Amino acid sequence: MGLAALVASASLLAGCAATHVVSQVSSYGPWPEARKPGAYVFERLPSQAVQAADQAKLETAAEPALLKRGFHRVEQAEKADYTVQIDANVRTEPRVRYDPLLVPYGMHPGYAAPGHPYFWRPGVGGWWGTGGSGLSLSLALEPPWVTLEVRLLIRDRRDGRVLYETQAAHDRVGAVDEAVLPYVFEAALDGFPQPPQGRRVVTVPLPEARR
């Protein structure tokens, strides 16, 4: 998904009281012990090259986390030791409000607890056709559940071998904007070069200016 679509709906950080960003992270390697971080260039797939402006924003968001690990960006590929490929994707899951009055009619997703995040609500409408009017039932949508996923691959530029792979997923109710991307990439590179095995939770604190 392009970054423009990713940020189209609303802002995650602006005007909120969040103090940190929590992500689910999975990393694969391990990074070869004899290798040290060095110069890199970003590698773009043909589909990413078409959306150059959006991809450039993703690369800018990932750059601080790479720099923190000892990588520095160069523009000429022949001067690079590594290539870095990144992408991002957003998944949106709609939520509806539960109303116990509708349970006898089967209009519920199978969750009987009123505290469940999926809820239903009746609405007023009209019958379509002749013969007067009546009461119909409709669904009231809650803010969606949104998951932002980023993925980062580091390859040896000379032989194309993958040296490190990591991915991070950050989810919340509402919407996502590009301001959160640097913190998700920071989480993705947590533990480099020898990350813990398996999926883990990484919490990245926000700077005071972002709270």
N, C-alpha and C. Protein backbone atom coordinates (compact mmCIF):
# COMPACT_ATOMS: atom_id res chain seq x y z
N MET A 1 0.85 -1.20 0.00
CA MET A 1 0.00 0.00 0.00
C MET A 1 0.88 1.23 0.00
N GLY A 2 0.53 2.24 -0.81
CA GLY A 2 1.31 3.46 -0.86
C GLY A 2 1.20 4.25 0.42
N LEU A 3 2.22 5.04 0.69
CA LEU A 3 2.22 5.82 1.92
C LEU A 3 1.09 6.82 1.94
N ALA A 4 0.72 7.36 0.79
CA ALA A 4 -0.37 8.33 0.76
C ALA A 4 -1.66 7.70 1.26
N ALA A 5 -1.92 6.45 0.86
CA ALA A 5 -3.11 5.77 1.35
C ALA A 5 -2.97 5.41 2.82
N LEU A 6 -1.75 5.13 3.23
CA LEU A 6 -1.50 4.75 4.61
C LEU A 6 -1.86 5.87 5.56
N VAL A 7 -1.62 7.12 5.18
CA VAL A 7 -1.82 8.24 6.09
C VAL A 7 -3.08 9.02 5.79
N ALA A 8 -3.92 8.52 4.90
CA ALA A 8 -5.02 9.34 4.41
C ALA A 8 -6.08 9.64 5.45
N SER A 9 -6.30 8.74 6.41
CA SER A 9 -7.48 8.89 7.25
C SER A 9 -7.30 9.84 8.42
N ALA A 10 -6.24 9.67 9.23
CA ALA A 10 -6.10 10.53 10.41
C ALA A 10 -4.70 10.41 10.95
N SER A 11 -4.43 11.12 12.05
CA SER A 11 -3.11 11.14 12.65
C SER A 11 -3.09 10.29 13.90
N LEU A 12 -2.02 9.54 14.08
CA LEU A 12 -1.89 8.72 15.28
C LEU A 12 -1.35 9.50 16.45
N LEU A 13 -0.31 10.27 16.23
CA LEU A 13 0.39 10.89 17.34
C LEU A 13 -0.09 12.30 17.64
N ALA A 14 -0.57 13.01 16.65
CA ALA A 14 -0.93 14.39 16.87
C ALA A 14 -2.08 14.50 17.85
N GLY A 15 -1.88 15.30 18.88
CA GLY A 15 -2.94 15.59 19.82
C GLY A 15 -3.29 14.45 20.76
N CYS A 16 -2.46 13.42 20.86
CA CYS A 16 -2.77 12.34 21.77
C CYS A 16 -1.79 12.33 22.92
N ALA A 17 -2.10 11.54 23.93
CA ALA A 17 -1.28 11.51 25.14
C ALA A 17 -0.36 10.31 25.17
N ALA A 18 -0.10 9.67 24.04
CA ALA A 18 0.75 8.50 24.00
C ALA A 18 2.17 8.85 24.42
N THR A 19 2.79 7.96 25.16
CA THR A 19 4.17 8.16 25.58
C THR A 19 5.12 7.15 24.96
N HIS A 20 4.59 6.16 24.23
CA HIS A 20 5.43 5.14 23.63
C HIS A 20 4.67 4.47 22.48
N VAL A 21 5.43 3.75 21.67
CA VAL A 21 4.86 2.97 20.56
C VAL A 21 5.23 1.51 20.79
N VAL A 22 4.24 0.65 20.81
CA VAL A 22 4.44 -0.78 21.06
C VAL A 22 4.29 -1.54 19.75
N SER A 23 5.25 -2.43 19.46
CA SER A 23 5.22 -3.21 18.23
C SER A 23 5.53 -4.67 18.52
N GLN A 24 5.00 -5.54 17.68
CA GLN A 24 5.36 -6.96 17.68
C GLN A 24 6.46 -7.15 16.64
N VAL A 25 7.59 -7.72 17.06
CA VAL A 25 8.78 -7.78 16.20
C VAL A 25 9.24 -9.23 16.03
N SER A 26 9.62 -9.57 14.81
CA SER A 26 10.27 -10.84 14.50
C SER A 26 11.50 -10.55 13.65
N SER A 27 12.65 -11.06 14.08
CA SER A 27 13.91 -10.81 13.37
C SER A 27 14.59 -12.13 13.06
N TYR A 28 15.28 -12.17 11.92
CA TYR A 28 15.93 -13.39 11.47
C TYR A 28 17.34 -13.04 11.01
N GLY A 29 18.25 -13.87 11.30
CA GLY A 29 19.65 -13.69 10.96
C GLY A 29 20.34 -15.04 11.18
N PRO A 30 21.27 -15.05 12.11
CA PRO A 30 21.80 -13.86 12.76
C PRO A 30 22.81 -13.16 11.87
N TRP A 31 23.09 -11.93 12.18
CA TRP A 31 24.09 -11.16 11.45
C TRP A 31 25.45 -11.84 11.58
N PRO A 32 26.19 -12.02 10.47
CA PRO A 32 27.50 -12.68 10.54
C PRO A 32 28.45 -11.95 11.51
N GLU A 33 29.08 -12.69 12.39
CA GLU A 33 29.92 -12.08 13.42
C GLU A 33 31.07 -11.28 12.83
N ALA A 34 31.58 -11.71 11.68
CA ALA A 34 32.73 -11.03 11.09
C ALA A 34 32.36 -9.74 10.37
N ARG A 35 31.09 -9.49 10.16
CA ARG A 35 30.66 -8.31 9.42
C ARG A 35 30.35 -7.16 10.35
N LYS A 36 30.69 -5.97 9.90
CA LYS A 36 30.36 -4.75 10.62
C LYS A 36 29.43 -3.90 9.77
N PRO A 37 28.54 -3.13 10.40
CA PRO A 37 27.71 -2.21 9.62
C PRO A 37 28.58 -1.25 8.83
N GLY A 38 28.06 -0.76 7.72
CA GLY A 38 28.82 0.15 6.88
C GLY A 38 27.92 0.93 5.95
N ALA A 39 28.44 1.24 4.77
CA ALA A 39 27.70 2.04 3.80
C ALA A 39 26.61 1.20 3.13
N TYR A 40 25.48 1.83 2.87
CA TYR A 40 24.38 1.13 2.22
C TYR A 40 23.65 2.05 1.25
N VAL A 41 22.95 1.43 0.33
CA VAL A 41 22.01 2.13 -0.54
C VAL A 41 20.66 1.45 -0.40
N PHE A 42 19.60 2.22 -0.58
CA PHE A 42 18.27 1.64 -0.59
C PHE A 42 18.00 0.99 -1.94
N GLU A 43 17.43 -0.19 -1.88
CA GLU A 43 17.04 -0.92 -3.09
C GLU A 43 15.52 -0.85 -3.23
N ARG A 44 15.06 -0.56 -4.44
CA ARG A 44 13.62 -0.45 -4.68
C ARG A 44 13.17 -1.47 -5.71
N LEU A 45 12.05 -2.11 -5.40
CA LEU A 45 11.40 -2.97 -6.38
C LEU A 45 10.78 -2.11 -7.47
N PRO A 46 10.50 -2.69 -8.64
CA PRO A 46 9.86 -1.89 -9.70
C PRO A 46 8.57 -1.22 -9.25
N SER A 47 7.76 -1.92 -8.46
CA SER A 47 6.51 -1.33 -7.98
C SER A 47 6.77 -0.16 -7.03
N GLN A 48 7.87 -0.22 -6.28
CA GLN A 48 8.22 0.87 -5.38
C GLN A 48 8.79 2.06 -6.14
N ALA A 49 9.50 1.77 -7.22
CA ALA A 49 10.07 2.85 -8.02
C ALA A 49 8.98 3.70 -8.66
N VAL A 50 7.84 3.07 -8.97
CA VAL A 50 6.72 3.82 -9.54
C VAL A 50 6.18 4.84 -8.55
N GLN A 51 6.19 4.48 -7.26
CA GLN A 51 5.71 5.36 -6.20
C GLN A 51 6.91 5.96 -5.47
N ALA A 52 7.74 6.66 -6.22
CA ALA A 52 9.02 7.12 -5.70
C ALA A 52 8.88 8.05 -4.50
N ALA A 53 7.92 8.96 -4.54
CA ALA A 53 7.76 9.92 -3.44
C ALA A 53 7.36 9.22 -2.15
N ASP A 54 6.43 8.28 -2.24
CA ASP A 54 6.02 7.53 -1.06
C ASP A 54 7.16 6.69 -0.52
N GLN A 55 7.90 6.03 -1.41
CA GLN A 55 9.00 5.19 -0.97
C GLN A 55 10.10 6.02 -0.32
N ALA A 56 10.33 7.22 -0.84
CA ALA A 56 11.34 8.09 -0.25
C ALA A 56 10.98 8.45 1.19
N LYS A 57 9.69 8.63 1.47
CA LYS A 57 9.27 8.93 2.85
C LYS A 57 9.52 7.74 3.77
N LEU A 58 9.27 6.53 3.27
CA LEU A 58 9.57 5.34 4.06
C LEU A 58 11.06 5.25 4.35
N GLU A 59 11.88 5.50 3.35
CA GLU A 59 13.33 5.42 3.53
C GLU A 59 13.82 6.47 4.53
N THR A 60 13.25 7.66 4.46
CA THR A 60 13.61 8.70 5.42
C THR A 60 13.23 8.27 6.84
N ALA A 61 12.10 7.61 6.98
CA ALA A 61 11.66 7.15 8.30
C ALA A 61 12.56 6.05 8.85
N ALA A 62 13.10 5.21 7.97
CA ALA A 62 13.95 4.10 8.42
C ALA A 62 15.39 4.52 8.68
N GLU A 63 15.81 5.61 8.08
CA GLU A 63 17.22 6.01 8.13
C GLU A 63 17.75 6.22 9.55
N PRO A 64 17.03 6.89 10.47
CA PRO A 64 17.58 7.08 11.82
C PRO A 64 17.87 5.76 12.54
N ALA A 65 17.01 4.78 12.39
CA ALA A 65 17.23 3.49 13.06
C ALA A 65 18.46 2.79 12.49
N LEU A 66 18.66 2.89 11.17
CA LEU A 66 19.85 2.30 10.56
C LEU A 66 21.12 3.02 11.01
N LEU A 67 21.06 4.35 11.05
CA LEU A 67 22.22 5.13 11.48
C LEU A 67 22.60 4.79 12.92
N LYS A 68 21.63 4.58 13.76
CA LYS A 68 21.87 4.24 15.16
C LYS A 68 22.62 2.92 15.28
N ARG A 69 22.44 2.02 14.31
CA ARG A 69 23.13 0.72 14.33
C ARG A 69 24.46 0.74 13.61
N GLY A 70 24.90 1.90 13.14
CA GLY A 70 26.21 2.01 12.51
C GLY A 70 26.21 2.02 11.00
N PHE A 71 25.03 2.02 10.37
CA PHE A 71 24.95 2.09 8.91
C PHE A 71 24.87 3.55 8.48
N HIS A 72 25.52 3.87 7.37
CA HIS A 72 25.40 5.21 6.81
C HIS A 72 25.06 5.12 5.32
N ARG A 73 24.18 6.00 4.91
CA ARG A 73 23.64 5.95 3.56
C ARG A 73 24.55 6.64 2.57
N VAL A 74 24.71 6.02 1.41
CA VAL A 74 25.43 6.64 0.29
C VAL A 74 24.51 6.62 -0.92
N GLU A 75 24.79 7.48 -1.87
CA GLU A 75 23.95 7.58 -3.06
C GLU A 75 24.44 6.70 -4.21
N GLN A 76 25.75 6.45 -4.28
CA GLN A 76 26.31 5.64 -5.36
C GLN A 76 26.39 4.18 -4.92
N ALA A 77 25.74 3.30 -5.66
CA ALA A 77 25.70 1.89 -5.29
C ALA A 77 27.09 1.28 -5.21
N GLU A 78 28.00 1.72 -6.09
CA GLU A 78 29.33 1.13 -6.10
C GLU A 78 30.12 1.43 -4.83
N LYS A 79 29.68 2.41 -4.06
CA LYS A 79 30.36 2.74 -2.80
C LYS A 79 29.73 2.05 -1.59
N ALA A 80 28.70 1.27 -1.82
CA ALA A 80 27.96 0.65 -0.72
C ALA A 80 28.44 -0.78 -0.45
N ASP A 81 28.41 -1.15 0.82
CA ASP A 81 28.67 -2.53 1.22
C ASP A 81 27.38 -3.34 1.24
N TYR A 82 26.27 -2.67 1.47
CA TYR A 82 24.99 -3.35 1.65
C TYR A 82 23.89 -2.66 0.85
N THR A 83 22.84 -3.41 0.57
CA THR A 83 21.59 -2.82 0.08
C THR A 83 20.52 -3.06 1.15
N VAL A 84 19.64 -2.09 1.28
CA VAL A 84 18.54 -2.19 2.25
C VAL A 84 17.23 -2.04 1.49
N GLN A 85 16.36 -2.99 1.67
CA GLN A 85 15.04 -2.95 1.04
C GLN A 85 13.98 -2.87 2.14
N ILE A 86 13.06 -1.93 2.02
CA ILE A 86 12.02 -1.77 3.03
C ILE A 86 10.66 -1.67 2.35
N ASP A 87 9.63 -2.06 3.07
CA ASP A 87 8.27 -1.82 2.61
C ASP A 87 7.35 -1.72 3.82
N ALA A 88 6.16 -1.22 3.58
CA ALA A 88 5.17 -1.04 4.65
C ALA A 88 3.80 -1.40 4.11
N ASN A 89 2.97 -1.87 5.00
CA ASN A 89 1.61 -2.26 4.62
C ASN A 89 0.67 -1.96 5.78
N VAL A 90 -0.57 -1.61 5.45
CA VAL A 90 -1.58 -1.34 6.47
C VAL A 90 -2.77 -2.25 6.24
N ARG A 91 -3.22 -2.92 7.30
CA ARG A 91 -4.43 -3.73 7.27
C ARG A 91 -5.48 -3.08 8.16
N THR A 92 -6.68 -2.96 7.66
CA THR A 92 -7.78 -2.35 8.41
C THR A 92 -8.91 -3.35 8.58
N GLU A 93 -9.33 -3.56 9.82
CA GLU A 93 -10.42 -4.48 10.12
C GLU A 93 -11.58 -3.68 10.72
N PRO A 94 -12.74 -3.67 10.06
CA PRO A 94 -13.88 -2.92 10.59
C PRO A 94 -14.39 -3.54 11.88
N ARG A 95 -14.95 -2.71 12.73
CA ARG A 95 -15.56 -3.17 13.99
C ARG A 95 -16.98 -2.63 14.07
N VAL A 96 -17.88 -3.43 14.61
CA VAL A 96 -19.26 -2.99 14.77
C VAL A 96 -19.69 -3.18 16.22
N ARG A 97 -20.62 -2.36 16.65
CA ARG A 97 -21.05 -2.36 18.05
C ARG A 97 -22.09 -3.45 18.30
N TYR A 98 -21.98 -4.10 19.43
CA TYR A 98 -22.90 -5.17 19.83
C TYR A 98 -24.08 -4.59 20.60
N ASP A 99 -25.28 -5.08 20.31
CA ASP A 99 -26.46 -4.70 21.09
C ASP A 99 -27.21 -5.96 21.45
N PRO A 100 -27.43 -6.23 22.76
CA PRO A 100 -28.10 -7.48 23.16
C PRO A 100 -29.52 -7.61 22.62
N LEU A 101 -30.16 -6.49 22.24
CA LEU A 101 -31.51 -6.57 21.69
C LEU A 101 -31.55 -7.30 20.35
N LEU A 102 -30.38 -7.31 19.67
CA LEU A 102 -30.34 -7.94 18.35
C LEU A 102 -29.92 -9.40 18.39
N VAL A 103 -29.43 -9.86 19.56
CA VAL A 103 -28.96 -11.24 19.65
C VAL A 103 -30.04 -12.25 19.29
N PRO A 104 -31.31 -12.09 19.76
CA PRO A 104 -32.34 -13.08 19.38
C PRO A 104 -32.58 -13.17 17.88
N TYR A 105 -32.21 -12.12 17.15
CA TYR A 105 -32.43 -12.12 15.70
C TYR A 105 -31.22 -12.63 14.92
N GLY A 106 -30.19 -13.04 15.67
CA GLY A 106 -29.00 -13.56 15.01
C GLY A 106 -28.10 -12.49 14.45
N MET A 107 -28.35 -11.21 14.77
CA MET A 107 -27.54 -10.14 14.20
C MET A 107 -26.39 -9.79 15.13
N HIS A 108 -25.49 -10.74 15.25
CA HIS A 108 -24.29 -10.51 16.05
C HIS A 108 -23.20 -11.44 15.52
N PRO A 109 -21.92 -11.09 15.75
CA PRO A 109 -20.83 -11.89 15.19
C PRO A 109 -20.42 -13.07 16.04
N GLY A 110 -21.26 -13.45 17.02
CA GLY A 110 -20.93 -14.62 17.83
C GLY A 110 -20.31 -14.29 19.16
N TYR A 111 -20.24 -13.01 19.52
CA TYR A 111 -19.68 -12.61 20.79
C TYR A 111 -20.81 -12.12 21.69
N ALA A 112 -21.01 -12.78 22.82
CA ALA A 112 -22.13 -12.45 23.68
C ALA A 112 -21.79 -11.43 24.75
N ALA A 113 -20.51 -11.16 24.96
CA ALA A 113 -20.12 -10.26 26.04
C ALA A 113 -20.20 -8.82 25.59
N PRO A 114 -20.97 -7.98 26.29
CA PRO A 114 -21.09 -6.57 25.90
C PRO A 114 -19.76 -5.83 25.91
N GLY A 115 -18.77 -6.32 26.64
CA GLY A 115 -17.49 -5.63 26.68
C GLY A 115 -16.58 -5.96 25.52
N HIS A 116 -16.99 -6.87 24.65
CA HIS A 116 -16.15 -7.24 23.52
C HIS A 116 -16.04 -6.07 22.55
N PRO A 117 -14.87 -5.91 21.88
CA PRO A 117 -14.71 -4.76 20.98
C PRO A 117 -15.63 -4.78 19.77
N TYR A 118 -16.29 -5.90 19.49
CA TYR A 118 -17.22 -5.93 18.37
C TYR A 118 -18.64 -5.74 18.89
N PHE A 119 -19.26 -4.64 18.55
CA PHE A 119 -20.59 -4.32 19.05
C PHE A 119 -21.52 -3.99 17.89
N TRP A 120 -22.83 -4.11 18.12
CA TRP A 120 -23.86 -3.78 17.13
C TRP A 120 -24.80 -2.75 17.72
N ARG A 121 -25.48 -2.02 16.87
CA ARG A 121 -26.47 -1.05 17.33
C ARG A 121 -27.60 -0.94 16.31
N PRO A 122 -28.89 -0.89 16.76
CA PRO A 122 -29.98 -0.73 15.80
C PRO A 122 -30.05 0.69 15.28
N GLY A 123 -30.53 0.84 14.05
CA GLY A 123 -30.74 2.16 13.47
C GLY A 123 -32.11 2.24 12.85
N VAL A 124 -32.58 3.43 12.59
CA VAL A 124 -33.92 3.62 12.03
C VAL A 124 -33.82 3.81 10.53
N GLY A 125 -34.64 3.09 9.79
CA GLY A 125 -34.66 3.22 8.35
C GLY A 125 -36.06 2.98 7.82
N GLY A 126 -36.20 2.74 6.54
CA GLY A 126 -37.52 2.52 5.95
C GLY A 126 -37.50 1.34 5.02
N TRP A 127 -38.67 0.71 4.85
CA TRP A 127 -38.77 -0.38 3.89
C TRP A 127 -38.70 0.19 2.46
N TRP A 128 -38.03 -0.54 1.59
CA TRP A 128 -37.93 -0.10 0.20
C TRP A 128 -39.03 -0.79 -0.60
N GLY A 129 -39.93 0.01 -1.18
CA GLY A 129 -41.03 -0.57 -1.94
C GLY A 129 -42.34 0.09 -1.56
N THR A 130 -43.45 -0.50 -1.99
CA THR A 130 -44.77 0.08 -1.72
C THR A 130 -45.33 -0.48 -0.43
N GLY A 131 -46.36 0.18 0.10
CA GLY A 131 -47.05 -0.38 1.24
C GLY A 131 -46.67 0.26 2.55
N GLY A 132 -46.19 1.51 2.55
CA GLY A 132 -45.96 2.19 3.82
C GLY A 132 -44.52 2.11 4.27
N SER A 133 -44.33 2.24 5.56
CA SER A 133 -42.98 2.29 6.12
C SER A 133 -42.91 1.43 7.36
N GLY A 134 -41.71 1.27 7.88
CA GLY A 134 -41.54 0.46 9.08
C GLY A 134 -40.18 0.69 9.69
N LEU A 135 -39.81 -0.13 10.68
CA LEU A 135 -38.54 -0.01 11.38
C LEU A 135 -37.58 -1.06 10.84
N SER A 136 -36.40 -0.63 10.48
CA SER A 136 -35.38 -1.57 10.04
C SER A 136 -34.18 -1.47 10.97
N LEU A 137 -33.28 -2.44 10.88
CA LEU A 137 -32.11 -2.49 11.75
C LEU A 137 -30.86 -2.30 10.90
N SER A 138 -29.95 -1.50 11.41
CA SER A 138 -28.70 -1.25 10.69
C SER A 138 -27.54 -1.38 11.66
N LEU A 139 -26.33 -1.35 11.13
CA LEU A 139 -25.13 -1.53 11.92
C LEU A 139 -24.44 -0.20 12.16
N ALA A 140 -23.91 -0.01 13.36
CA ALA A 140 -23.14 1.19 13.68
C ALA A 140 -21.68 0.79 13.79
N LEU A 141 -20.84 1.32 12.92
CA LEU A 141 -19.43 0.96 12.91
C LEU A 141 -18.65 1.72 13.97
N GLU A 142 -17.76 1.01 14.64
CA GLU A 142 -16.81 1.61 15.56
C GLU A 142 -15.56 1.99 14.75
N PRO A 143 -14.66 2.81 15.31
CA PRO A 143 -13.38 3.06 14.64
C PRO A 143 -12.68 1.73 14.34
N PRO A 144 -12.06 1.59 13.18
CA PRO A 144 -11.50 0.29 12.78
C PRO A 144 -10.25 -0.08 13.58
N TRP A 145 -9.93 -1.34 13.54
CA TRP A 145 -8.67 -1.84 14.10
C TRP A 145 -7.64 -1.82 12.97
N VAL A 146 -6.55 -1.08 13.17
CA VAL A 146 -5.58 -0.84 12.11
C VAL A 146 -4.23 -1.42 12.51
N THR A 147 -3.59 -2.14 11.59
CA THR A 147 -2.27 -2.71 11.83
C THR A 147 -1.30 -2.18 10.78
N LEU A 148 -0.22 -1.56 11.24
CA LEU A 148 0.85 -1.09 10.37
C LEU A 148 2.00 -2.08 10.45
N GLU A 149 2.41 -2.61 9.31
CA GLU A 149 3.50 -3.58 9.26
C GLU A 149 4.64 -3.01 8.41
N VAL A 150 5.86 -3.13 8.92
CA VAL A 150 7.04 -2.74 8.15
C VAL A 150 7.99 -3.94 8.08
N ARG A 151 8.75 -3.99 7.00
CA ARG A 151 9.69 -5.09 6.78
C ARG A 151 10.99 -4.50 6.24
N LEU A 152 12.11 -5.05 6.71
CA LEU A 152 13.42 -4.53 6.31
C LEU A 152 14.35 -5.70 6.03
N LEU A 153 15.01 -5.65 4.87
CA LEU A 153 15.99 -6.66 4.46
C LEU A 153 17.33 -5.99 4.23
N ILE A 154 18.39 -6.57 4.77
CA ILE A 154 19.75 -6.09 4.52
C ILE A 154 20.48 -7.18 3.75
N ARG A 155 21.02 -6.82 2.58
CA ARG A 155 21.72 -7.77 1.74
C ARG A 155 23.17 -7.33 1.52
N ASP A 156 24.02 -8.32 1.27
CA ASP A 156 25.37 -8.03 0.78
C ASP A 156 25.23 -7.51 -0.65
N ARG A 157 25.74 -6.32 -0.92
CA ARG A 157 25.54 -5.74 -2.24
C ARG A 157 26.25 -6.52 -3.32
N ARG A 158 27.33 -7.16 -2.99
CA ARG A 158 28.14 -7.80 -4.02
C ARG A 158 27.55 -9.13 -4.50
N ASP A 159 27.01 -9.92 -3.58
CA ASP A 159 26.47 -11.21 -4.00
C ASP A 159 24.96 -11.34 -3.79
N GLY A 160 24.32 -10.32 -3.22
CA GLY A 160 22.88 -10.32 -3.03
C GLY A 160 22.38 -11.20 -1.89
N ARG A 161 23.30 -11.75 -1.10
CA ARG A 161 22.90 -12.64 -0.01
C ARG A 161 22.20 -11.86 1.10
N VAL A 162 21.08 -12.41 1.60
CA VAL A 162 20.36 -11.78 2.70
C VAL A 162 21.12 -12.02 3.99
N LEU A 163 21.49 -10.93 4.66
CA LEU A 163 22.22 -11.02 5.91
C LEU A 163 21.34 -10.81 7.13
N TYR A 164 20.25 -10.09 6.94
CA TYR A 164 19.38 -9.79 8.09
C TYR A 164 17.98 -9.48 7.58
N GLU A 165 17.00 -10.02 8.26
CA GLU A 165 15.60 -9.76 7.94
C GLU A 165 14.85 -9.47 9.23
N THR A 166 14.03 -8.44 9.21
CA THR A 166 13.25 -8.12 10.39
C THR A 166 11.93 -7.48 9.98
N GLN A 167 10.92 -7.66 10.80
CA GLN A 167 9.62 -7.06 10.54
C GLN A 167 8.97 -6.68 11.86
N ALA A 168 8.17 -5.63 11.81
CA ALA A 168 7.49 -5.14 13.00
C ALA A 168 6.06 -4.77 12.64
N ALA A 169 5.15 -5.01 13.58
CA ALA A 169 3.73 -4.70 13.39
C ALA A 169 3.24 -3.89 14.58
N HIS A 170 2.64 -2.75 14.29
CA HIS A 170 2.06 -1.88 15.32
C HIS A 170 0.58 -1.74 15.04
N ASP A 171 -0.26 -2.02 16.04
CA ASP A 171 -1.70 -1.92 15.80
C ASP A 171 -2.38 -1.08 16.87
N ARG A 172 -3.54 -0.57 16.51
CA ARG A 172 -4.31 0.28 17.40
C ARG A 172 -5.71 0.45 16.82
N VAL A 173 -6.58 1.03 17.62
CA VAL A 173 -7.91 1.40 17.14
C VAL A 173 -7.83 2.81 16.57
N GLY A 174 -8.36 3.01 15.38
CA GLY A 174 -8.38 4.35 14.79
C GLY A 174 -7.70 4.40 13.45
N ALA A 175 -6.56 5.08 13.37
CA ALA A 175 -5.86 5.27 12.11
C ALA A 175 -4.38 5.44 12.37
N VAL A 176 -3.59 5.40 11.31
CA VAL A 176 -2.14 5.49 11.40
C VAL A 176 -1.67 6.64 10.52
N ASP A 177 -0.60 7.33 10.93
CA ASP A 177 0.00 8.30 10.02
C ASP A 177 1.51 8.13 10.01
N GLU A 178 2.17 8.82 9.11
CA GLU A 178 3.59 8.59 8.89
C GLU A 178 4.46 8.98 10.07
N ALA A 179 3.95 9.76 11.03
CA ALA A 179 4.75 10.15 12.19
C ALA A 179 5.17 8.95 13.03
N VAL A 180 4.45 7.85 12.96
CA VAL A 180 4.78 6.68 13.77
C VAL A 180 5.84 5.81 13.12
N LEU A 181 6.10 5.98 11.84
CA LEU A 181 6.99 5.08 11.11
C LEU A 181 8.40 4.99 11.69
N PRO A 182 9.07 6.10 12.04
CA PRO A 182 10.43 5.96 12.59
C PRO A 182 10.49 5.08 13.84
N TYR A 183 9.44 5.12 14.66
CA TYR A 183 9.43 4.35 15.90
C TYR A 183 9.17 2.86 15.63
N VAL A 184 8.43 2.57 14.58
CA VAL A 184 8.20 1.17 14.22
C VAL A 184 9.47 0.58 13.59
N PHE A 185 10.17 1.36 12.77
CA PHE A 185 11.45 0.89 12.24
C PHE A 185 12.49 0.74 13.36
N GLU A 186 12.46 1.63 14.34
CA GLU A 186 13.34 1.50 15.49
C GLU A 186 13.08 0.18 16.21
N ALA A 187 11.81 -0.15 16.38
CA ALA A 187 11.47 -1.43 17.00
C ALA A 187 11.94 -2.61 16.15
N ALA A 188 11.81 -2.47 14.83
CA ALA A 188 12.20 -3.56 13.94
C ALA A 188 13.68 -3.90 14.06
N LEU A 189 14.50 -2.90 14.33
CA LEU A 189 15.95 -3.12 14.43
C LEU A 189 16.40 -3.31 15.87
N ASP A 190 15.47 -3.41 16.80
CA ASP A 190 15.84 -3.68 18.18
C ASP A 190 16.56 -5.02 18.28
N GLY A 191 17.65 -5.05 19.04
CA GLY A 191 18.40 -6.28 19.22
C GLY A 191 19.45 -6.55 18.16
N PHE A 192 19.51 -5.73 17.10
CA PHE A 192 20.54 -5.92 16.07
C PHE A 192 21.92 -5.79 16.71
N PRO A 193 22.89 -6.65 16.38
CA PRO A 193 22.89 -7.64 15.29
C PRO A 193 22.51 -9.06 15.72
N GLN A 194 22.31 -9.29 17.02
CA GLN A 194 21.96 -10.62 17.50
C GLN A 194 20.64 -10.55 18.24
N PRO A 195 19.52 -10.52 17.54
CA PRO A 195 18.22 -10.35 18.19
C PRO A 195 17.77 -11.61 18.91
N PRO A 196 16.86 -11.47 19.86
CA PRO A 196 16.27 -12.66 20.49
C PRO A 196 15.50 -13.48 19.46
N GLN A 197 15.39 -14.77 19.73
CA GLN A 197 14.65 -15.65 18.84
C GLN A 197 13.15 -15.51 19.09
N GLY A 198 12.38 -15.67 18.04
CA GLY A 198 10.93 -15.67 18.17
C GLY A 198 10.33 -14.28 18.15
N ARG A 199 9.02 -14.26 18.17
CA ARG A 199 8.27 -13.00 18.16
C ARG A 199 8.31 -12.37 19.55
N ARG A 200 8.46 -11.06 19.60
CA ARG A 200 8.59 -10.37 20.87
C ARG A 200 7.92 -9.01 20.80
N VAL A 201 7.67 -8.43 21.96
CA VAL A 201 7.08 -7.11 22.05
C VAL A 201 8.19 -6.10 22.33
N VAL A 202 8.23 -5.04 21.54
CA VAL A 202 9.23 -3.98 21.71
C VAL A 202 8.51 -2.66 21.93
N THR A 203 8.88 -1.97 22.99
CA THR A 203 8.29 -0.68 23.32
C THR A 203 9.32 0.42 23.09
N VAL A 204 8.98 1.38 22.27
CA VAL A 204 9.87 2.50 21.96
C VAL A 204 9.26 3.77 22.56
N PRO A 205 9.95 4.41 23.50
CA PRO A 205 9.41 5.64 24.09
C PRO A 205 9.44 6.79 23.09
N LEU A 206 8.45 7.64 23.16
CA LEU A 206 8.41 8.83 22.32
C LEU A 206 9.19 9.96 22.99
N PRO A 207 9.86 10.79 22.20
CA PRO A 207 10.51 11.97 22.78
C PRO A 207 9.47 12.91 23.37
N GLU A 208 9.91 13.74 24.31
CA GLU A 208 8.99 14.64 25.00
C GLU A 208 8.20 15.51 24.02
N ALA A 209 8.84 15.92 22.93
CA ALA A 209 8.18 16.81 21.98
C ALA A 209 7.01 16.15 21.27
N ARG A 210 6.98 14.81 21.25
CA ARG A 210 5.92 14.09 20.54
C ARG A 210 4.79 13.67 21.46
N ARG A 211 4.91 13.89 22.77
CA ARG A 211 3.90 13.42 23.71
C ARG A 211 2.76 14.41 23.85
